[in-house]
Amino acid sequence: MSTYLDLQNGFYNAFSQGLGFAPGIPFQMVQPSPPLVDGAKADQMLWNYFNNIPPYSLTQNYIASGGNQFTSDYSGLFSALQGAPNSFEQDIGPKCNTAWNAYTAVLPITTPLSQFPVIFRSWAMRNGYSSVANVGASDLAQLLLDPISSAQMALMLYKPNGANTPTWDVGFADMTQQLSVAPTRKFLLNSSTMNSDVSNSWSKSSNSGFFGLWGGSSSSSSQSATFAASGVTVDASFDHVMQFSAVPGDWYNSSAMSLAFSNKDGAPWDSSKPINWNNTFGQNGNMQRFAANLVIASGMKVLVTSAASFSKDDQTAINNNSGAGMWPFYNTNSSSGSSTDVTFNNQGNMTVTITSLPNVPIVLGVIVEPAAVFVGQEGAQAYKQHLARLLKA
């Protein structure tokens, strides 16, 4: 008799193996898994997955605008760092500095950072600050030579909740093109023969972010317990599955990030600020790991059968809540390309059919990368090579 956690862990192992991953791959399932739809916000919907900081769990309960966010945590980090000494603000004066900050906040995000000195000089001459135009431009040129100061200047163009939202280098169109030529994948799961041992997984058995039988439900509900305790089979196939990677845009400064990570105390950290190395990169930090790659699929066909005999009341509860999506992917019925259908036979046995349209991408998981690797510290290259070997195994 399996518990719901046993079933979830068994599914994790079967799904990982079906994707071609060797044991130990830092793969994290994402739920729910709604289709990504082409349109004005397609790029941002895709990048939201990279922007989400993965928890220490085999499963992530994904909320696009919730939890730890890469861009906001990154911005907070650089508010706690000090660049090389520079007298820019002192030289131009508080009034000019306030006006300049307001001006940079509306500059296009495509503005090259290297042009800031020239832009400042021209702006100062036009707006009554000609007396500080040259010294301000000279100070900005010096700031650009310092990684921390340069990173802080780059953030002036980006507002996580504003018009200039941080971007990544590859968007929806390129992703869908890559997905269209990705290989097929399929796998089978039978709860009576499944392997639910995840003690050697990257999170050392930690798996806390999963729903119950339907989306948003508890894994300890009576319906979830009944479902897991009886025989469950999963027959899943995908037309295309790939790993998709993208690099943070010009708002991100890898050199400055690496500098902050490699110095736990002292410069560049400002000791007067509440944000420090420990609550950023440490054991309880908000930037311990990152989503390096997304696992994306299209053409999903999943058949789940249950040997449990559900009562009429349980059947009613399941039918009433199936609109939130059903285990294991929690795809809702939508015009954007996914559907979930639940049926019961005369014995109360349940069948769940989950499908998605061909060529409609769905993010099913992420490959997690620890901060030390993400920022390029010592050992990162060896880790990446090891990971690449596992992914090809």
Protein backbone atom coordinates (compact mmCIF):
# COMPACT_ATOMS: atom_id res chain seq x y z
CA MET A 1 0.00 0.00 0.00
CA SER A 2 1.51 3.32 -1.11
CA THR A 3 1.24 6.71 0.51
CA TYR A 4 0.72 9.77 -1.66
CA LEU A 5 4.35 10.76 -1.13
CA ASP A 6 5.43 7.30 -2.31
CA LEU A 7 3.31 7.73 -5.44
CA GLN A 8 4.67 11.21 -6.12
CA ASN A 9 8.26 10.06 -5.67
CA GLY A 10 7.64 7.02 -7.85
CA PHE A 11 6.23 9.25 -10.54
CA TYR A 12 9.25 11.57 -10.23
CA ASN A 13 11.62 8.65 -10.86
CA ALA A 14 9.60 7.27 -13.77
CA PHE A 15 9.19 10.69 -15.35
CA SER A 16 12.91 11.51 -14.97
CA GLN A 17 13.89 8.20 -16.51
CA GLY A 18 11.36 8.71 -19.30
CA LEU A 19 12.97 12.06 -20.08
CA GLY A 20 16.32 10.30 -20.40
CA PHE A 21 17.83 11.70 -17.20
CA ALA A 22 20.34 9.66 -15.21
CA PRO A 23 19.89 9.41 -11.41
CA GLY A 24 21.12 12.51 -9.60
CA ILE A 25 20.15 15.02 -12.28
CA PRO A 26 18.97 18.22 -10.52
CA PHE A 27 15.57 17.98 -12.20
CA GLN A 28 12.55 19.59 -10.55
CA MET A 29 8.96 19.00 -11.67
CA VAL A 30 6.80 22.10 -12.06
CA GLN A 31 3.09 22.14 -11.30
CA PRO A 32 0.64 23.18 -12.52
CA SER A 33 1.67 23.00 -16.19
CA PRO A 34 -0.53 25.28 -18.30
CA PRO A 35 0.26 25.75 -22.01
CA LEU A 36 2.37 28.72 -23.07
CA VAL A 37 0.38 30.71 -25.61
CA ASP A 38 1.83 32.85 -28.38
CA GLY A 39 0.97 36.53 -28.07
CA ALA A 40 2.12 39.87 -26.74
CA LYS A 41 3.16 38.41 -23.38
CA ALA A 42 4.57 35.11 -24.64
CA ASP A 43 8.20 36.02 -23.97
CA GLN A 44 7.46 37.24 -20.47
CA MET A 45 5.44 34.12 -19.62
CA LEU A 46 8.41 32.01 -20.69
CA TRP A 47 10.97 34.12 -18.83
CA ASN A 48 8.87 34.01 -15.66
CA TYR A 49 10.02 30.42 -15.21
CA PHE A 50 13.67 31.52 -15.26
CA ASN A 51 12.78 34.35 -12.91
CA ASN A 52 11.39 31.97 -10.28
CA ILE A 53 13.96 30.80 -7.70
CA PRO A 54 13.53 27.01 -7.34
CA PRO A 55 12.86 25.69 -3.82
CA TYR A 56 14.81 22.77 -2.35
CA SER A 57 12.29 20.16 -3.47
CA LEU A 58 11.76 17.65 -6.25
CA THR A 59 8.50 19.44 -7.07
CA GLN A 60 7.83 23.15 -7.42
CA ASN A 61 4.39 24.61 -6.85
CA TYR A 62 4.85 27.29 -9.47
CA ILE A 63 3.34 30.75 -9.05
CA ALA A 64 4.51 33.19 -11.72
CA SER A 65 4.38 36.27 -9.50
CA GLY A 66 5.02 34.65 -6.11
CA GLY A 67 7.90 33.24 -4.09
CA ASN A 68 11.50 34.27 -4.51
CA GLN A 69 11.99 36.17 -7.76
CA PHE A 70 15.40 36.37 -9.39
CA THR A 71 15.08 39.96 -10.58
CA SER A 72 13.75 41.43 -7.33
CA ASP A 73 16.24 39.48 -5.19
CA TYR A 74 19.05 40.55 -7.53
CA SER A 75 17.98 44.19 -7.29
CA GLY A 76 17.85 43.91 -3.50
CA LEU A 77 21.30 42.36 -3.46
CA PHE A 78 22.87 45.27 -5.32
CA SER A 79 21.24 47.76 -2.99
CA ALA A 80 23.44 46.21 -0.29
CA LEU A 81 26.72 46.39 -2.21
CA GLN A 82 29.21 49.23 -2.50
CA GLY A 83 31.17 49.96 -5.62
CA ALA A 84 34.56 51.65 -5.82
CA PRO A 85 34.60 55.16 -4.29
CA ASN A 86 33.16 57.72 -6.67
CA SER A 87 32.00 61.29 -6.19
CA PHE A 88 29.35 61.39 -8.95
CA GLU A 89 26.43 62.31 -6.67
CA GLN A 90 28.53 64.79 -4.71
CA ASP A 91 29.95 66.40 -7.84
CA ILE A 92 26.59 66.95 -9.56
CA GLY A 93 24.59 67.83 -6.43
CA PRO A 94 21.34 66.36 -5.01
CA LYS A 95 18.96 68.31 -7.26
CA CYS A 96 20.71 67.22 -10.44
CA ASN A 97 21.07 63.65 -9.17
CA THR A 98 17.32 63.36 -8.47
CA ALA A 99 16.48 64.69 -11.93
CA TRP A 100 19.02 62.38 -13.57
CA ASN A 101 17.62 59.31 -11.80
CA ALA A 102 14.12 60.22 -12.98
CA TYR A 103 15.42 60.59 -16.54
CA THR A 104 17.24 57.25 -16.59
CA ALA A 105 14.10 55.51 -15.29
CA VAL A 106 12.34 56.19 -18.61
CA LEU A 107 15.26 55.51 -20.95
CA PRO A 108 14.71 52.57 -23.33
CA ILE A 109 16.15 49.31 -22.02
CA THR A 110 18.15 49.06 -25.24
CA THR A 111 20.23 52.07 -24.17
CA PRO A 112 23.90 50.91 -24.07
CA LEU A 113 25.40 51.41 -20.63
CA SER A 114 28.62 52.57 -22.28
CA GLN A 115 26.72 55.59 -23.61
CA PHE A 116 25.72 56.87 -20.17
CA PRO A 117 28.58 59.42 -19.92
CA VAL A 118 27.69 60.95 -23.32
CA ILE A 119 23.97 60.84 -22.53
CA PHE A 120 24.51 62.55 -19.19
CA ARG A 121 26.61 65.32 -20.72
CA SER A 122 23.98 66.02 -23.38
CA TRP A 123 21.12 65.81 -20.86
CA ALA A 124 22.86 68.13 -18.39
CA MET A 125 23.56 70.73 -21.08
CA ARG A 126 19.88 70.75 -22.13
CA ASN A 127 18.40 70.88 -18.65
CA GLY A 128 20.29 73.64 -16.87
CA TYR A 129 23.10 71.60 -15.35
CA SER A 130 25.85 72.60 -17.78
CA SER A 131 28.24 73.46 -14.94
CA VAL A 132 28.44 69.78 -13.91
CA ALA A 133 28.06 68.21 -17.37
CA ASN A 134 31.73 67.36 -17.84
CA VAL A 135 32.59 66.27 -14.31
CA GLY A 136 29.45 64.12 -14.15
CA ALA A 137 30.27 62.46 -17.46
CA SER A 138 33.81 61.78 -16.25
CA ASP A 139 32.55 60.26 -13.01
CA LEU A 140 30.13 57.99 -14.89
CA ALA A 141 32.94 56.80 -17.15
CA GLN A 142 34.89 55.81 -14.03
CA LEU A 143 31.87 54.06 -12.54
CA LEU A 144 31.56 51.89 -15.64
CA LEU A 145 35.01 50.44 -14.93
CA ASP A 146 33.83 49.02 -11.59
CA PRO A 147 31.67 45.82 -11.81
CA ILE A 148 29.47 46.70 -8.83
CA SER A 149 28.86 50.29 -9.90
CA SER A 150 28.29 49.20 -13.49
CA ALA A 151 25.72 46.62 -12.36
CA GLN A 152 23.92 49.21 -10.25
CA MET A 153 23.80 51.59 -13.20
CA ALA A 154 22.36 48.88 -15.45
CA LEU A 155 19.54 48.29 -12.97
CA MET A 156 18.50 51.93 -13.30
CA LEU A 157 16.99 51.03 -16.70
CA TYR A 158 14.94 48.14 -15.34
CA LYS A 159 11.98 48.04 -13.02
CA PRO A 160 10.72 44.49 -12.21
CA ASN A 161 7.13 45.77 -12.00
CA GLY A 162 7.39 48.57 -14.53
CA ALA A 163 7.47 49.10 -18.27
CA ASN A 164 11.12 48.08 -18.64
CA THR A 165 10.83 44.52 -17.36
CA PRO A 166 14.05 42.46 -17.20
CA THR A 167 14.48 40.12 -20.15
CA TRP A 168 16.44 37.01 -21.17
CA ASP A 169 18.35 36.59 -24.43
CA VAL A 170 16.13 33.95 -26.13
CA GLY A 171 12.36 34.23 -26.38
CA PHE A 172 9.20 32.35 -27.27
CA ALA A 173 9.69 32.22 -31.05
CA ASP A 174 13.15 30.66 -30.84
CA MET A 175 11.96 28.25 -28.16
CA THR A 176 9.05 26.96 -30.26
CA GLN A 177 11.34 26.49 -33.25
CA GLN A 178 13.72 24.39 -31.15
CA LEU A 179 10.83 22.42 -29.68
CA SER A 180 9.43 21.54 -33.12
CA VAL A 181 12.49 19.38 -33.89
CA ALA A 182 13.03 17.95 -30.40
CA PRO A 183 12.76 14.17 -29.88
CA THR A 184 9.71 12.25 -28.64
CA ARG A 185 9.54 10.79 -25.13
CA LYS A 186 7.29 8.33 -23.34
CA PHE A 187 7.16 6.36 -20.12
CA LEU A 188 5.01 3.97 -18.10
CA LEU A 189 4.35 3.87 -14.36
CA ASN A 190 2.76 1.09 -12.34
CA SER A 191 2.49 1.83 -8.63
CA SER A 192 2.84 -1.86 -7.76
CA THR A 193 6.32 -2.04 -9.29
CA MET A 194 7.49 1.59 -9.11
CA ASN A 195 10.71 2.77 -7.49
CA SER A 196 9.85 5.44 -4.93
CA ASP A 197 13.36 5.75 -3.47
CA VAL A 198 14.60 9.33 -4.03
CA SER A 199 17.25 9.30 -1.30
CA ASN A 200 19.99 9.76 -3.91
CA SER A 201 18.24 12.60 -5.70
CA TRP A 202 19.72 16.11 -5.83
CA SER A 203 17.42 17.31 -3.01
CA LYS A 204 18.09 14.25 -0.82
CA SER A 205 14.43 13.13 -0.66
CA SER A 206 13.06 16.61 0.00
CA ASN A 207 9.76 16.79 -1.89
CA SER A 208 7.25 19.15 -0.35
CA GLY A 209 5.78 21.29 -3.11
CA PHE A 210 3.15 19.02 -4.61
CA PHE A 211 -0.64 19.06 -4.81
CA GLY A 212 -3.06 16.23 -4.06
CA LEU A 213 -5.36 14.48 -6.51
CA TRP A 214 -6.53 17.74 -8.12
CA GLY A 215 -4.84 21.12 -8.51
CA GLY A 216 -4.54 23.04 -5.25
CA SER A 217 -5.76 20.14 -3.10
CA SER A 218 -3.91 18.59 -0.18
CA SER A 219 -1.94 15.40 -0.63
CA SER A 220 -3.37 14.26 2.73
CA SER A 221 -7.05 14.54 1.69
CA SER A 222 -9.17 11.41 1.87
CA GLN A 223 -9.52 11.25 -1.93
CA SER A 224 -5.75 11.61 -2.40
CA ALA A 225 -5.04 8.90 0.19
CA THR A 226 -7.56 6.53 -1.42
CA PHE A 227 -6.08 7.17 -4.85
CA ALA A 228 -2.49 6.51 -3.75
CA ALA A 229 -3.28 3.44 -1.65
CA SER A 230 -4.75 1.53 -4.58
CA GLY A 231 -3.19 0.56 -7.87
CA VAL A 232 -2.28 3.46 -10.18
CA THR A 233 -0.90 3.31 -13.71
CA VAL A 234 0.32 6.12 -15.94
CA ASP A 235 0.90 5.82 -19.67
CA ALA A 236 2.44 9.06 -20.95
CA SER A 237 3.86 10.20 -24.27
CA PHE A 238 5.02 13.54 -25.68
CA ASP A 239 5.51 14.47 -29.32
CA HIS A 240 8.50 16.63 -28.47
CA VAL A 241 10.56 17.25 -25.31
CA MET A 242 13.61 19.45 -24.95
CA GLN A 243 15.75 21.38 -22.51
CA PHE A 244 15.66 25.10 -23.17
CA SER A 245 18.21 27.56 -21.85
CA ALA A 246 18.35 31.35 -21.87
CA VAL A 247 20.80 33.88 -20.44
CA PRO A 248 19.74 36.93 -18.39
CA GLY A 249 19.77 40.17 -20.39
CA ASP A 250 21.80 43.34 -19.91
CA TRP A 251 20.22 43.94 -16.49
CA TYR A 252 22.39 41.10 -15.15
CA ASN A 253 26.13 41.49 -14.47
CA SER A 254 27.83 38.11 -14.00
CA SER A 255 31.16 39.64 -12.90
CA ALA A 256 29.52 41.68 -10.16
CA MET A 257 27.42 38.69 -9.04
CA SER A 258 30.53 36.53 -8.83
CA LEU A 259 32.33 39.24 -6.84
CA ALA A 260 29.49 39.39 -4.32
CA PHE A 261 29.38 35.60 -3.99
CA SER A 262 33.13 35.16 -3.51
CA ASN A 263 33.38 37.69 -0.65
CA LYS A 264 31.35 36.68 2.40
CA ASP A 265 32.52 39.58 4.55
CA GLY A 266 33.73 43.09 3.86
CA ALA A 267 33.79 44.73 0.45
CA PRO A 268 31.70 44.90 -1.64
CA TRP A 269 29.09 44.28 1.09
CA ASP A 270 27.76 47.30 2.97
CA SER A 271 27.67 46.20 6.62
CA SER A 272 25.01 48.79 7.45
CA LYS A 273 22.43 47.08 5.18
CA PRO A 274 20.17 44.21 6.32
CA ILE A 275 20.91 42.18 3.18
CA ASN A 276 24.13 40.19 3.52
CA TRP A 277 25.89 37.12 2.14
CA ASN A 278 24.21 34.69 4.54
CA ASN A 279 20.62 35.72 3.83
CA THR A 280 21.39 35.85 0.10
CA PHE A 281 23.58 32.82 -0.67
CA GLY A 282 23.72 31.03 2.68
CA GLN A 283 21.74 28.08 4.04
CA ASN A 284 18.57 30.15 4.44
CA GLY A 285 19.34 32.60 1.63
CA ASN A 286 16.91 33.68 -1.09
CA MET A 287 19.35 33.05 -3.96
CA GLN A 288 20.79 29.60 -3.24
CA ARG A 289 19.85 28.11 -6.61
CA PHE A 290 18.55 29.06 -10.05
CA ALA A 291 16.56 27.62 -12.95
CA ALA A 292 19.30 26.95 -15.50
CA ASN A 293 17.21 25.09 -18.11
CA LEU A 294 13.51 24.55 -18.65
CA VAL A 295 12.12 21.13 -19.59
CA ILE A 296 9.44 21.87 -22.20
CA ALA A 297 7.13 19.47 -24.02
CA SER A 298 4.37 19.52 -26.62
CA GLY A 299 1.78 17.02 -27.82
CA MET A 300 1.08 15.53 -24.38
CA LYS A 301 -1.01 12.34 -24.10
CA VAL A 302 -1.38 10.98 -20.56
CA LEU A 303 -3.71 8.19 -19.42
CA VAL A 304 -4.03 7.64 -15.66
CA THR A 305 -6.02 4.66 -14.35
CA SER A 306 -6.93 4.00 -10.74
CA ALA A 307 -7.95 0.70 -9.14
CA ALA A 308 -9.51 2.53 -6.19
CA SER A 309 -13.27 2.26 -5.81
CA PHE A 310 -14.42 5.81 -5.15
CA SER A 311 -17.72 6.40 -3.41
CA LYS A 312 -20.44 8.47 -5.05
CA ASP A 313 -19.57 11.37 -2.74
CA ASP A 314 -15.90 11.12 -3.66
CA GLN A 315 -16.77 10.96 -7.36
CA THR A 316 -18.84 14.12 -6.97
CA ALA A 317 -16.00 15.89 -5.16
CA ILE A 318 -13.49 14.85 -7.81
CA ASN A 319 -15.73 15.90 -10.70
CA ASN A 320 -16.49 19.23 -9.03
CA ASN A 321 -12.78 19.97 -8.61
CA SER A 322 -11.33 18.42 -11.77
CA GLY A 323 -11.48 21.83 -13.44
CA ALA A 324 -8.36 22.71 -11.43
CA GLY A 325 -6.48 19.93 -13.26
CA MET A 326 -5.68 16.40 -12.11
CA TRP A 327 -2.53 14.59 -10.99
CA PRO A 328 0.17 14.39 -12.23
CA PHE A 329 0.35 17.55 -14.43
CA TYR A 330 -2.77 19.46 -13.38
CA ASN A 331 -3.60 20.74 -16.86
CA THR A 332 -6.92 22.55 -16.91
CA ASN A 333 -9.37 22.57 -19.81
CA SER A 334 -8.51 25.64 -21.84
CA SER A 335 -8.90 27.07 -25.30
CA SER A 336 -5.12 27.50 -25.31
CA GLY A 337 -4.56 23.83 -25.96
CA SER A 338 -4.94 21.49 -22.98
CA SER A 339 -7.72 19.30 -21.62
CA THR A 340 -8.35 16.99 -18.68
CA ASP A 341 -11.19 14.47 -18.71
CA VAL A 342 -12.30 12.35 -15.71
CA THR A 343 -14.59 9.30 -15.97
CA PHE A 344 -15.73 6.56 -13.56
CA ASN A 345 -16.94 3.06 -14.36
CA ASN A 346 -19.69 1.14 -12.52
CA GLN A 347 -17.20 -0.02 -9.88
CA GLY A 348 -16.10 3.54 -9.12
CA ASN A 349 -12.70 3.13 -10.77
CA MET A 350 -11.36 6.37 -12.21
CA THR A 351 -9.68 7.13 -15.53
CA VAL A 352 -8.05 10.49 -16.18
CA THR A 353 -7.07 11.57 -19.69
CA ILE A 354 -4.78 14.59 -20.06
CA THR A 355 -3.91 15.95 -23.51
CA SER A 356 -2.38 19.02 -25.10
CA LEU A 357 -2.37 20.18 -28.70
CA PRO A 358 0.61 19.54 -30.98
CA ASN A 359 3.21 22.30 -31.10
CA VAL A 360 1.80 24.05 -28.01
CA PRO A 361 4.65 24.28 -25.44
CA ILE A 362 4.18 23.28 -21.82
CA VAL A 363 6.85 23.74 -19.14
CA LEU A 364 7.04 20.51 -17.14
CA GLY A 365 10.14 21.15 -15.07
CA VAL A 366 13.44 22.91 -14.58
CA ILE A 367 17.08 21.88 -14.25
CA VAL A 368 18.32 23.46 -11.03
CA GLU A 369 21.78 24.98 -10.70
CA PRO A 370 23.39 25.92 -7.36
CA ALA A 371 24.47 29.53 -6.91
CA ALA A 372 28.18 28.64 -6.89
CA VAL A 373 27.84 27.19 -10.38
CA PHE A 374 25.49 29.86 -11.68
CA VAL A 375 27.89 32.68 -10.76
CA GLY A 376 30.88 30.81 -12.20
CA GLN A 377 32.89 30.04 -9.09
CA GLU A 378 35.65 27.44 -8.77
CA GLY A 379 34.41 23.96 -9.64
CA ALA A 380 31.61 25.28 -11.81
CA GLN A 381 33.09 23.99 -15.06
CA ALA A 382 33.63 20.53 -13.61
CA TYR A 383 30.04 20.51 -12.33
CA LYS A 384 28.69 21.54 -15.73
CA GLN A 385 30.71 18.79 -17.44
CA HIS A 386 29.46 16.23 -14.93
CA LEU A 387 25.88 17.39 -15.48
CA ALA A 388 26.29 17.22 -19.25
CA ARG A 389 27.48 13.59 -18.95
CA LEU A 390 24.46 12.69 -16.81
CA LEU A 391 22.06 14.32 -19.24
CA LYS A 392 23.51 12.28 -22.09
CA ALA A 393 23.52 9.02 -20.13
